[in-house]
Amino acid sequence: MPLARISLIALAFGALCGLACGGDEDSPNCNCFSQGASDNLCEPEPLCAPIAVQCSEDLPLYDCPLESLTTDSAGAIDCTLAAIQGAGVGKVSWTVEGIPGSHQELFFSLPGDGTAFRWGRLTREPDYEVWPAVHLELESVAYFEGCAAMATPVERFVCLREGQRAEPFKDCAIGFFGQS
């Protein structure tokens, strides 16, 4: 496909997505994903260190039992919970490592209004999946206050993770599969 045609398609998709998601040009919105679900062109500043979680079983994050999750990222989890409660504006993220060659990465751009733009990927060498970039609503501040009060970092992380599982109300870019 000629480069000019690809650029026109990307431009048209970006314009369509911008109408769907709204927001001004400087705010993180669907226009940031006009090049595809794996590239946030706006790349917000990180609010916290990335959260690192390990699953001792070769399972997707949502299927990994609580007793199989471990983390040394208590500070990053607490920072992320505080950023969401305080309507922080920027990026938070986490990575879940499984067996060698298997990991998940999720990124959230927080515009500070109780919503988030989520994008990420799953790698199981040699295959990978880039998930759709979506705009979704987060749980209430009270919900995340409850998460922060939980006893262990793993419990706080699972609660944090559950706070973004609502169905997206806007799709910004479609996902795709590939091989490395």
N, C-alpha and C. Protein backbone atom coordinates (compact mmCIF):
# COMPACT_ATOMS: atom_id res chain seq x y z
N MET A 1 0.86 -1.17 0.00
CA MET A 1 0.00 0.00 0.00
C MET A 1 0.90 1.23 0.00
N PRO A 2 0.71 2.17 -0.90
CA PRO A 2 1.56 3.36 -0.96
C PRO A 2 1.49 4.15 0.34
N LEU A 3 2.62 4.79 0.68
CA LEU A 3 2.73 5.56 1.92
C LEU A 3 1.67 6.66 2.00
N ALA A 4 1.36 7.34 0.90
CA ALA A 4 0.37 8.42 0.91
C ALA A 4 -1.00 7.88 1.30
N ARG A 5 -1.34 6.69 0.81
CA ARG A 5 -2.65 6.10 1.13
C ARG A 5 -2.70 5.72 2.61
N ILE A 6 -1.62 5.14 3.14
CA ILE A 6 -1.54 4.79 4.56
C ILE A 6 -1.71 6.05 5.41
N SER A 7 -1.04 7.13 5.03
CA SER A 7 -1.13 8.38 5.79
C SER A 7 -2.54 8.94 5.77
N LEU A 8 -3.22 8.87 4.60
CA LEU A 8 -4.59 9.36 4.52
C LEU A 8 -5.53 8.52 5.38
N ILE A 9 -5.33 7.20 5.40
CA ILE A 9 -6.16 6.33 6.23
C ILE A 9 -5.93 6.67 7.70
N ALA A 10 -4.68 6.81 8.11
CA ALA A 10 -4.37 7.15 9.50
C ALA A 10 -4.96 8.51 9.87
N LEU A 11 -4.86 9.47 8.97
CA LEU A 11 -5.40 10.81 9.22
C LEU A 11 -6.92 10.74 9.37
N ALA A 12 -7.58 10.01 8.48
CA ALA A 12 -9.04 9.89 8.54
C ALA A 12 -9.46 9.18 9.82
N PHE A 13 -8.76 8.11 10.19
CA PHE A 13 -9.09 7.39 11.41
C PHE A 13 -8.89 8.28 12.63
N GLY A 14 -7.80 9.02 12.64
CA GLY A 14 -7.52 9.94 13.75
C GLY A 14 -8.60 11.00 13.86
N ALA A 15 -9.06 11.55 12.75
CA ALA A 15 -10.10 12.57 12.78
C ALA A 15 -11.41 11.98 13.28
N LEU A 16 -11.76 10.79 12.80
CA LEU A 16 -12.97 10.12 13.24
C LEU A 16 -12.91 9.82 14.73
N CYS A 17 -11.79 9.32 15.18
CA CYS A 17 -11.63 8.98 16.58
C CYS A 17 -11.67 10.23 17.44
N GLY A 18 -11.07 11.31 16.99
CA GLY A 18 -11.09 12.56 17.74
C GLY A 18 -12.50 13.06 17.93
N LEU A 19 -13.35 12.92 16.91
CA LEU A 19 -14.75 13.32 17.05
C LEU A 19 -15.46 12.45 18.06
N ALA A 20 -15.11 11.16 18.08
CA ALA A 20 -15.78 10.24 18.99
C ALA A 20 -15.37 10.49 20.44
N CYS A 21 -14.12 10.84 20.67
CA CYS A 21 -13.64 10.96 22.05
C CYS A 21 -13.62 12.38 22.56
N GLY A 22 -13.60 13.36 21.69
CA GLY A 22 -13.63 14.75 22.14
C GLY A 22 -12.36 15.14 22.86
N GLY A 23 -12.45 16.20 23.66
CA GLY A 23 -11.28 16.70 24.38
C GLY A 23 -10.55 17.72 23.55
N ASP A 24 -9.79 18.58 24.24
CA ASP A 24 -9.02 19.56 23.48
C ASP A 24 -7.73 18.92 22.98
N GLU A 25 -7.03 19.63 22.10
CA GLU A 25 -5.86 19.05 21.44
C GLU A 25 -4.76 18.65 22.40
N ASP A 26 -4.66 19.31 23.55
CA ASP A 26 -3.58 19.03 24.47
C ASP A 26 -3.91 17.92 25.47
N SER A 27 -5.15 17.47 25.53
CA SER A 27 -5.52 16.43 26.49
C SER A 27 -5.33 15.06 25.86
N PRO A 28 -5.03 14.04 26.70
CA PRO A 28 -4.91 12.70 26.14
C PRO A 28 -6.28 12.24 25.65
N ASN A 29 -6.40 11.93 24.39
CA ASN A 29 -7.67 11.45 23.84
C ASN A 29 -7.38 10.49 22.71
N CYS A 30 -8.41 10.07 22.03
CA CYS A 30 -8.24 9.07 20.98
C CYS A 30 -7.30 9.52 19.87
N ASN A 31 -7.18 10.81 19.62
CA ASN A 31 -6.24 11.27 18.59
C ASN A 31 -4.82 10.79 18.87
N CYS A 32 -4.52 10.55 20.13
CA CYS A 32 -3.19 10.08 20.49
C CYS A 32 -2.89 8.71 19.92
N PHE A 33 -3.92 7.97 19.52
CA PHE A 33 -3.74 6.62 18.99
C PHE A 33 -4.01 6.56 17.49
N SER A 34 -3.85 7.66 16.79
CA SER A 34 -4.16 7.70 15.36
C SER A 34 -3.22 6.82 14.54
N GLN A 35 -2.08 6.45 15.09
CA GLN A 35 -1.15 5.56 14.37
C GLN A 35 -1.36 4.10 14.72
N GLY A 36 -2.28 3.81 15.65
CA GLY A 36 -2.56 2.43 16.02
C GLY A 36 -2.54 2.24 17.52
N ALA A 37 -3.03 1.08 17.96
CA ALA A 37 -3.20 0.80 19.38
C ALA A 37 -1.89 0.69 20.14
N SER A 38 -0.78 0.43 19.46
CA SER A 38 0.48 0.25 20.17
C SER A 38 1.27 1.54 20.34
N ASP A 39 0.82 2.63 19.74
CA ASP A 39 1.58 3.88 19.78
C ASP A 39 0.74 5.02 20.32
N ASN A 40 1.04 5.46 21.56
CA ASN A 40 0.39 6.65 22.11
C ASN A 40 1.27 7.83 21.73
N LEU A 41 0.84 8.59 20.75
CA LEU A 41 1.64 9.71 20.24
C LEU A 41 1.77 10.84 21.25
N CYS A 42 0.88 10.87 22.24
CA CYS A 42 0.89 11.94 23.24
C CYS A 42 1.79 11.59 24.43
N GLU A 43 2.06 10.32 24.64
CA GLU A 43 2.88 9.76 25.72
C GLU A 43 2.96 10.67 26.95
N PRO A 44 1.96 10.58 27.82
CA PRO A 44 1.93 11.42 29.02
C PRO A 44 3.08 11.12 29.97
N GLU A 45 3.38 12.07 30.84
CA GLU A 45 4.45 11.89 31.83
C GLU A 45 4.03 10.84 32.86
N PRO A 46 4.95 9.97 33.26
CA PRO A 46 4.62 8.97 34.29
C PRO A 46 4.35 9.65 35.63
N LEU A 47 3.31 9.20 36.31
CA LEU A 47 2.99 9.70 37.65
C LEU A 47 3.69 8.88 38.72
N CYS A 48 3.96 7.61 38.42
CA CYS A 48 4.53 6.67 39.38
C CYS A 48 5.47 5.72 38.65
N ALA A 49 6.30 5.05 39.42
CA ALA A 49 7.13 3.99 38.83
C ALA A 49 6.20 2.88 38.32
N PRO A 50 6.59 2.17 37.27
CA PRO A 50 5.76 1.06 36.79
C PRO A 50 5.63 -0.02 37.87
N ILE A 51 4.47 -0.63 37.93
CA ILE A 51 4.23 -1.73 38.86
C ILE A 51 4.69 -3.01 38.18
N ALA A 52 5.44 -3.84 38.91
CA ALA A 52 5.89 -5.13 38.38
C ALA A 52 5.27 -6.24 39.23
N VAL A 53 4.55 -7.14 38.56
CA VAL A 53 3.89 -8.26 39.23
C VAL A 53 4.33 -9.54 38.53
N GLN A 54 4.49 -10.60 39.31
CA GLN A 54 4.85 -11.88 38.74
C GLN A 54 3.73 -12.88 39.01
N CYS A 55 3.42 -13.68 37.99
CA CYS A 55 2.47 -14.79 38.13
C CYS A 55 3.28 -16.06 37.99
N SER A 56 3.19 -16.92 38.99
CA SER A 56 3.99 -18.15 38.96
C SER A 56 3.41 -19.20 38.01
N GLU A 57 2.24 -18.91 37.43
CA GLU A 57 1.64 -19.83 36.47
C GLU A 57 1.57 -19.15 35.10
N ASP A 58 1.56 -19.94 34.05
CA ASP A 58 1.47 -19.39 32.70
C ASP A 58 0.01 -19.14 32.36
N LEU A 59 -0.52 -18.05 32.95
CA LEU A 59 -1.92 -17.70 32.74
C LEU A 59 -2.03 -16.21 32.46
N PRO A 60 -3.08 -15.79 31.74
CA PRO A 60 -3.32 -14.36 31.60
C PRO A 60 -3.55 -13.74 32.97
N LEU A 61 -3.24 -12.46 33.10
CA LEU A 61 -3.33 -11.76 34.38
C LEU A 61 -4.66 -11.99 35.08
N TYR A 62 -5.77 -11.83 34.37
CA TYR A 62 -7.07 -11.95 35.03
C TYR A 62 -7.39 -13.37 35.46
N ASP A 63 -6.65 -14.36 34.93
CA ASP A 63 -6.88 -15.75 35.31
C ASP A 63 -5.88 -16.23 36.36
N CYS A 64 -4.88 -15.42 36.68
CA CYS A 64 -3.86 -15.83 37.64
C CYS A 64 -4.45 -15.75 39.05
N PRO A 65 -4.47 -16.88 39.79
CA PRO A 65 -5.04 -16.85 41.14
C PRO A 65 -4.23 -15.94 42.07
N LEU A 66 -4.91 -15.33 43.01
CA LEU A 66 -4.29 -14.41 43.95
C LEU A 66 -3.05 -15.01 44.61
N GLU A 67 -3.14 -16.28 44.99
CA GLU A 67 -2.02 -16.93 45.67
C GLU A 67 -0.81 -17.15 44.76
N SER A 68 -0.98 -16.95 43.45
CA SER A 68 0.13 -17.12 42.50
C SER A 68 0.77 -15.79 42.11
N LEU A 69 0.24 -14.67 42.61
CA LEU A 69 0.80 -13.34 42.31
C LEU A 69 1.78 -12.91 43.38
N THR A 70 2.89 -12.30 42.95
CA THR A 70 3.85 -11.70 43.88
C THR A 70 4.28 -10.35 43.31
N THR A 71 4.71 -9.46 44.20
CA THR A 71 5.20 -8.16 43.75
C THR A 71 6.13 -7.55 44.78
N ASP A 72 7.09 -6.79 44.32
CA ASP A 72 7.96 -5.97 45.16
C ASP A 72 7.67 -4.50 44.91
N SER A 73 6.51 -4.19 44.35
CA SER A 73 6.17 -2.83 43.91
C SER A 73 5.15 -2.14 44.82
N ALA A 74 5.24 -2.36 46.12
CA ALA A 74 4.27 -1.76 47.04
C ALA A 74 4.22 -0.24 46.88
N GLY A 75 5.37 0.41 46.77
CA GLY A 75 5.41 1.87 46.63
C GLY A 75 4.73 2.34 45.35
N ALA A 76 4.96 1.64 44.24
CA ALA A 76 4.35 2.01 42.96
C ALA A 76 2.84 1.77 42.98
N ILE A 77 2.41 0.70 43.64
CA ILE A 77 0.97 0.42 43.76
C ILE A 77 0.30 1.53 44.57
N ASP A 78 0.90 1.88 45.71
CA ASP A 78 0.33 2.93 46.55
C ASP A 78 0.33 4.28 45.84
N CYS A 79 1.39 4.57 45.09
CA CYS A 79 1.47 5.81 44.32
C CYS A 79 0.35 5.86 43.27
N THR A 80 0.13 4.75 42.57
CA THR A 80 -0.90 4.69 41.53
C THR A 80 -2.29 4.88 42.14
N LEU A 81 -2.54 4.23 43.26
CA LEU A 81 -3.84 4.40 43.93
C LEU A 81 -4.04 5.86 44.36
N ALA A 82 -2.98 6.48 44.89
CA ALA A 82 -3.08 7.89 45.31
C ALA A 82 -3.29 8.80 44.11
N ALA A 83 -2.63 8.50 42.98
CA ALA A 83 -2.78 9.32 41.77
C ALA A 83 -4.21 9.28 41.27
N ILE A 84 -4.82 8.11 41.29
CA ILE A 84 -6.20 7.99 40.82
C ILE A 84 -7.15 8.71 41.79
N GLN A 85 -6.93 8.53 43.10
CA GLN A 85 -7.78 9.18 44.09
C GLN A 85 -7.67 10.70 44.01
N GLY A 86 -6.47 11.21 43.69
CA GLY A 86 -6.24 12.65 43.63
C GLY A 86 -6.47 13.25 42.26
N ALA A 87 -7.10 12.51 41.36
CA ALA A 87 -7.37 12.98 39.99
C ALA A 87 -6.08 13.41 39.28
N GLY A 88 -5.03 12.60 39.46
CA GLY A 88 -3.76 12.89 38.79
C GLY A 88 -3.89 12.83 37.28
N VAL A 89 -3.04 13.60 36.61
CA VAL A 89 -3.01 13.63 35.14
C VAL A 89 -1.65 13.13 34.71
N GLY A 90 -1.62 12.02 33.97
CA GLY A 90 -0.37 11.43 33.51
C GLY A 90 -0.56 9.95 33.24
N LYS A 91 0.56 9.20 33.26
CA LYS A 91 0.53 7.78 32.91
C LYS A 91 0.88 6.92 34.11
N VAL A 92 0.17 5.80 34.25
CA VAL A 92 0.52 4.75 35.20
C VAL A 92 0.54 3.45 34.40
N SER A 93 1.27 2.45 34.91
CA SER A 93 1.39 1.21 34.14
C SER A 93 1.76 0.05 35.04
N TRP A 94 1.54 -1.16 34.50
CA TRP A 94 2.05 -2.35 35.17
C TRP A 94 2.44 -3.40 34.15
N THR A 95 3.33 -4.28 34.62
CA THR A 95 3.80 -5.41 33.83
C THR A 95 3.61 -6.66 34.67
N VAL A 96 3.13 -7.71 34.05
CA VAL A 96 2.99 -9.00 34.73
C VAL A 96 3.86 -9.99 33.96
N GLU A 97 4.78 -10.60 34.68
CA GLU A 97 5.66 -11.60 34.09
C GLU A 97 5.14 -12.99 34.40
N GLY A 98 5.13 -13.85 33.39
CA GLY A 98 4.76 -15.25 33.58
C GLY A 98 6.00 -16.11 33.40
N ILE A 99 5.83 -17.24 32.76
CA ILE A 99 6.98 -18.08 32.47
C ILE A 99 7.88 -17.34 31.49
N PRO A 100 9.16 -17.70 31.36
CA PRO A 100 10.05 -16.98 30.44
C PRO A 100 9.44 -16.85 29.04
N GLY A 101 9.51 -15.65 28.49
CA GLY A 101 8.96 -15.38 27.17
C GLY A 101 7.50 -14.97 27.19
N SER A 102 6.92 -14.83 28.38
CA SER A 102 5.51 -14.49 28.51
C SER A 102 5.36 -13.30 29.46
N HIS A 103 4.78 -12.21 28.96
CA HIS A 103 4.50 -11.08 29.84
C HIS A 103 3.39 -10.20 29.26
N GLN A 104 2.77 -9.44 30.16
CA GLN A 104 1.73 -8.51 29.78
C GLN A 104 2.13 -7.12 30.24
N GLU A 105 1.79 -6.12 29.44
CA GLU A 105 2.02 -4.73 29.82
C GLU A 105 0.73 -3.97 29.60
N LEU A 106 0.32 -3.20 30.60
CA LEU A 106 -0.85 -2.33 30.48
C LEU A 106 -0.44 -0.92 30.85
N PHE A 107 -0.94 0.04 30.08
CA PHE A 107 -0.65 1.45 30.28
C PHE A 107 -1.97 2.20 30.39
N PHE A 108 -2.01 3.19 31.26
CA PHE A 108 -3.20 4.01 31.46
C PHE A 108 -2.82 5.47 31.42
N SER A 109 -3.46 6.22 30.56
CA SER A 109 -3.32 7.66 30.53
C SER A 109 -4.51 8.22 31.30
N LEU A 110 -4.21 8.92 32.40
CA LEU A 110 -5.26 9.46 33.26
C LEU A 110 -5.46 10.94 32.94
N PRO A 111 -6.63 11.32 32.44
CA PRO A 111 -6.88 12.73 32.18
C PRO A 111 -7.35 13.50 33.42
N GLY A 112 -7.53 12.80 34.56
CA GLY A 112 -7.91 13.47 35.80
C GLY A 112 -9.41 13.66 35.97
N ASP A 113 -10.22 12.96 35.18
CA ASP A 113 -11.67 13.14 35.24
C ASP A 113 -12.43 11.87 35.61
N GLY A 114 -11.72 10.88 36.19
CA GLY A 114 -12.37 9.63 36.56
C GLY A 114 -12.43 8.62 35.44
N THR A 115 -11.76 8.92 34.32
CA THR A 115 -11.68 7.99 33.21
C THR A 115 -10.20 7.68 32.93
N ALA A 116 -9.97 6.75 32.03
CA ALA A 116 -8.60 6.41 31.63
C ALA A 116 -8.61 5.95 30.18
N PHE A 117 -7.51 6.20 29.49
CA PHE A 117 -7.26 5.61 28.18
C PHE A 117 -6.31 4.46 28.44
N ARG A 118 -6.70 3.24 28.02
CA ARG A 118 -5.93 2.03 28.30
C ARG A 118 -5.42 1.43 27.00
N TRP A 119 -4.16 1.02 27.02
CA TRP A 119 -3.59 0.28 25.90
C TRP A 119 -2.55 -0.68 26.45
N GLY A 120 -2.22 -1.71 25.70
CA GLY A 120 -1.25 -2.67 26.21
C GLY A 120 -1.03 -3.82 25.25
N ARG A 121 -0.26 -4.79 25.75
CA ARG A 121 0.09 -5.92 24.89
C ARG A 121 0.39 -7.16 25.75
N LEU A 122 0.24 -8.31 25.11
CA LEU A 122 0.56 -9.61 25.69
C LEU A 122 1.57 -10.26 24.77
N THR A 123 2.65 -10.75 25.35
CA THR A 123 3.67 -11.45 24.57
C THR A 123 3.79 -12.88 25.08
N ARG A 124 3.71 -13.80 24.18
CA ARG A 124 4.00 -15.22 24.42
C ARG A 124 4.86 -15.64 23.24
N GLU A 125 6.17 -15.50 23.41
CA GLU A 125 7.09 -15.69 22.29
C GLU A 125 6.80 -16.97 21.54
N PRO A 126 6.76 -16.89 20.21
CA PRO A 126 7.07 -15.76 19.34
C PRO A 126 5.87 -14.87 19.02
N ASP A 127 4.69 -15.16 19.61
CA ASP A 127 3.48 -14.42 19.26
C ASP A 127 3.30 -13.23 20.19
N TYR A 128 2.57 -12.23 19.71
CA TYR A 128 2.18 -11.11 20.55
C TYR A 128 0.81 -10.61 20.12
N GLU A 129 0.14 -9.98 21.06
CA GLU A 129 -1.17 -9.39 20.81
C GLU A 129 -1.15 -7.98 21.35
N VAL A 130 -1.48 -7.01 20.53
CA VAL A 130 -1.64 -5.63 20.97
C VAL A 130 -3.13 -5.43 21.17
N TRP A 131 -3.51 -5.08 22.41
CA TRP A 131 -4.92 -4.91 22.72
C TRP A 131 -5.43 -3.58 22.18
N PRO A 132 -6.72 -3.47 21.92
CA PRO A 132 -7.27 -2.20 21.46
C PRO A 132 -7.00 -1.08 22.47
N ALA A 133 -6.81 0.11 21.98
CA ALA A 133 -6.71 1.29 22.85
C ALA A 133 -8.14 1.76 23.08
N VAL A 134 -8.51 1.90 24.35
CA VAL A 134 -9.90 2.24 24.68
C VAL A 134 -9.95 3.36 25.72
N HIS A 135 -11.08 4.02 25.76
CA HIS A 135 -11.37 5.03 26.79
C HIS A 135 -12.42 4.42 27.69
N LEU A 136 -12.14 4.34 28.99
CA LEU A 136 -13.06 3.69 29.91
C LEU A 136 -13.21 4.48 31.20
N GLU A 137 -14.29 4.19 31.89
CA GLU A 137 -14.55 4.84 33.16
C GLU A 137 -13.93 4.02 34.28
N LEU A 138 -13.35 4.71 35.26
CA LEU A 138 -12.79 4.05 36.42
C LEU A 138 -13.84 3.97 37.53
N GLU A 139 -13.59 3.12 38.51
CA GLU A 139 -14.46 3.07 39.69
C GLU A 139 -14.35 4.40 40.44
N SER A 140 -15.16 4.57 41.46
CA SER A 140 -15.20 5.81 42.23
C SER A 140 -13.95 5.98 43.09
N VAL A 141 -13.73 7.20 43.55
CA VAL A 141 -12.62 7.49 44.46
C VAL A 141 -12.75 6.63 45.71
N ALA A 142 -13.95 6.48 46.23
CA ALA A 142 -14.18 5.65 47.42
C ALA A 142 -13.73 4.21 47.18
N TYR A 143 -13.96 3.70 45.99
CA TYR A 143 -13.51 2.35 45.65
C TYR A 143 -11.99 2.25 45.81
N PHE A 144 -11.26 3.22 45.24
CA PHE A 144 -9.79 3.17 45.30
C PHE A 144 -9.27 3.45 46.71
N GLU A 145 -10.01 4.20 47.51
CA GLU A 145 -9.66 4.37 48.92
C GLU A 145 -9.73 3.03 49.63
N GLY A 146 -10.75 2.24 49.29
CA GLY A 146 -10.88 0.89 49.84
C GLY A 146 -9.71 0.01 49.42
N CYS A 147 -9.28 0.15 48.18
CA CYS A 147 -8.12 -0.61 47.71
C CYS A 147 -6.88 -0.27 48.53
N ALA A 148 -6.67 1.03 48.76
CA ALA A 148 -5.49 1.49 49.49
C ALA A 148 -5.47 0.97 50.92
N ALA A 149 -6.64 0.65 51.48
CA ALA A 149 -6.73 0.17 52.86
C ALA A 149 -6.47 -1.34 52.98
N MET A 150 -6.35 -2.03 51.86
CA MET A 150 -6.14 -3.48 51.92
C MET A 150 -4.75 -3.81 52.48
N ALA A 151 -4.64 -4.98 53.08
CA ALA A 151 -3.47 -5.34 53.87
C ALA A 151 -2.18 -5.54 53.07
N THR A 152 -2.25 -6.27 51.95
CA THR A 152 -1.01 -6.63 51.26
C THR A 152 -0.90 -5.92 49.91
N PRO A 153 0.33 -5.74 49.41
CA PRO A 153 0.49 -5.13 48.08
C PRO A 153 -0.24 -5.91 46.99
N VAL A 154 -0.25 -7.25 47.05
CA VAL A 154 -0.94 -8.04 46.03
C VAL A 154 -2.44 -7.77 46.08
N GLU A 155 -3.03 -7.71 47.28
CA GLU A 155 -4.45 -7.41 47.40
C GLU A 155 -4.76 -6.01 46.86
N ARG A 156 -3.89 -5.04 47.17
CA ARG A 156 -4.09 -3.67 46.67
C ARG A 156 -4.00 -3.65 45.14
N PHE A 157 -3.05 -4.41 44.58
CA PHE A 157 -2.90 -4.46 43.13
C PHE A 157 -4.14 -5.08 42.48
N VAL A 158 -4.61 -6.20 43.00
CA VAL A 158 -5.79 -6.86 42.42
C VAL A 158 -6.99 -5.92 42.47
N CYS A 159 -7.16 -5.20 43.57
CA CYS A 159 -8.25 -4.25 43.68
C CYS A 159 -8.08 -3.13 42.64
N LEU A 160 -6.86 -2.62 42.51
CA LEU A 160 -6.56 -1.59 41.50
C LEU A 160 -6.91 -2.11 40.11
N ARG A 161 -6.47 -3.31 39.79
CA ARG A 161 -6.75 -3.92 38.49
C ARG A 161 -8.24 -4.04 38.24
N GLU A 162 -9.00 -4.44 39.25
CA GLU A 162 -10.44 -4.62 39.10
C GLU A 162 -11.15 -3.28 38.88
N GLY A 163 -10.55 -2.20 39.28
CA GLY A 163 -11.17 -0.88 39.16
C GLY A 163 -11.20 -0.33 37.76
N GLN A 164 -10.66 -1.05 36.79
CA GLN A 164 -10.67 -0.60 35.40
C GLN A 164 -11.27 -1.62 34.45
N ARG A 165 -11.98 -2.57 34.96
CA ARG A 165 -12.53 -3.62 34.10
C ARG A 165 -13.88 -3.27 33.49
N ALA A 166 -14.36 -2.07 33.73
CA ALA A 166 -15.63 -1.65 33.13
C ALA A 166 -15.52 -1.72 31.61
N GLU A 167 -16.65 -1.94 30.97
CA GLU A 167 -16.67 -1.96 29.51
C GLU A 167 -16.28 -0.58 28.98
N PRO A 168 -15.40 -0.52 28.00
CA PRO A 168 -15.04 0.78 27.41
C PRO A 168 -16.24 1.46 26.80
N PHE A 169 -16.29 2.79 26.92
CA PHE A 169 -17.36 3.50 26.24
C PHE A 169 -16.90 4.11 24.94
N LYS A 170 -15.62 4.03 24.66
CA LYS A 170 -15.11 4.49 23.37
C LYS A 170 -13.90 3.64 22.99
N ASP A 171 -13.87 3.17 21.75
CA ASP A 171 -12.71 2.47 21.21
C ASP A 171 -11.89 3.48 20.43
N CYS A 172 -10.60 3.53 20.72
CA CYS A 172 -9.73 4.50 20.05
C CYS A 172 -8.96 3.90 18.88
N ALA A 173 -8.51 2.68 19.03
CA ALA A 173 -7.75 2.01 17.95
C ALA A 173 -7.90 0.51 18.12
N ILE A 174 -8.00 -0.20 17.03
CA ILE A 174 -8.17 -1.64 17.09
C ILE A 174 -6.86 -2.33 17.44
N GLY A 175 -6.97 -3.49 18.06
CA GLY A 175 -5.80 -4.28 18.38
C GLY A 175 -5.39 -5.16 17.21
N PHE A 176 -4.31 -5.89 17.39
CA PHE A 176 -3.84 -6.78 16.32
C PHE A 176 -2.92 -7.85 16.90
N PHE A 177 -2.70 -8.89 16.12
CA PHE A 177 -1.82 -10.01 16.47
C PHE A 177 -0.60 -9.98 15.57
N GLY A 178 0.49 -10.58 16.03
CA GLY A 178 1.67 -10.67 15.19
C GLY A 178 2.65 -11.68 15.75
N GLN A 179 3.76 -11.81 15.04
CA GLN A 179 4.87 -12.68 15.49
C GLN A 179 6.15 -11.90 15.40
N SER A 180 7.02 -12.15 16.39
CA SER A 180 8.31 -11.46 16.37
C SER A 180 9.36 -12.27 15.66
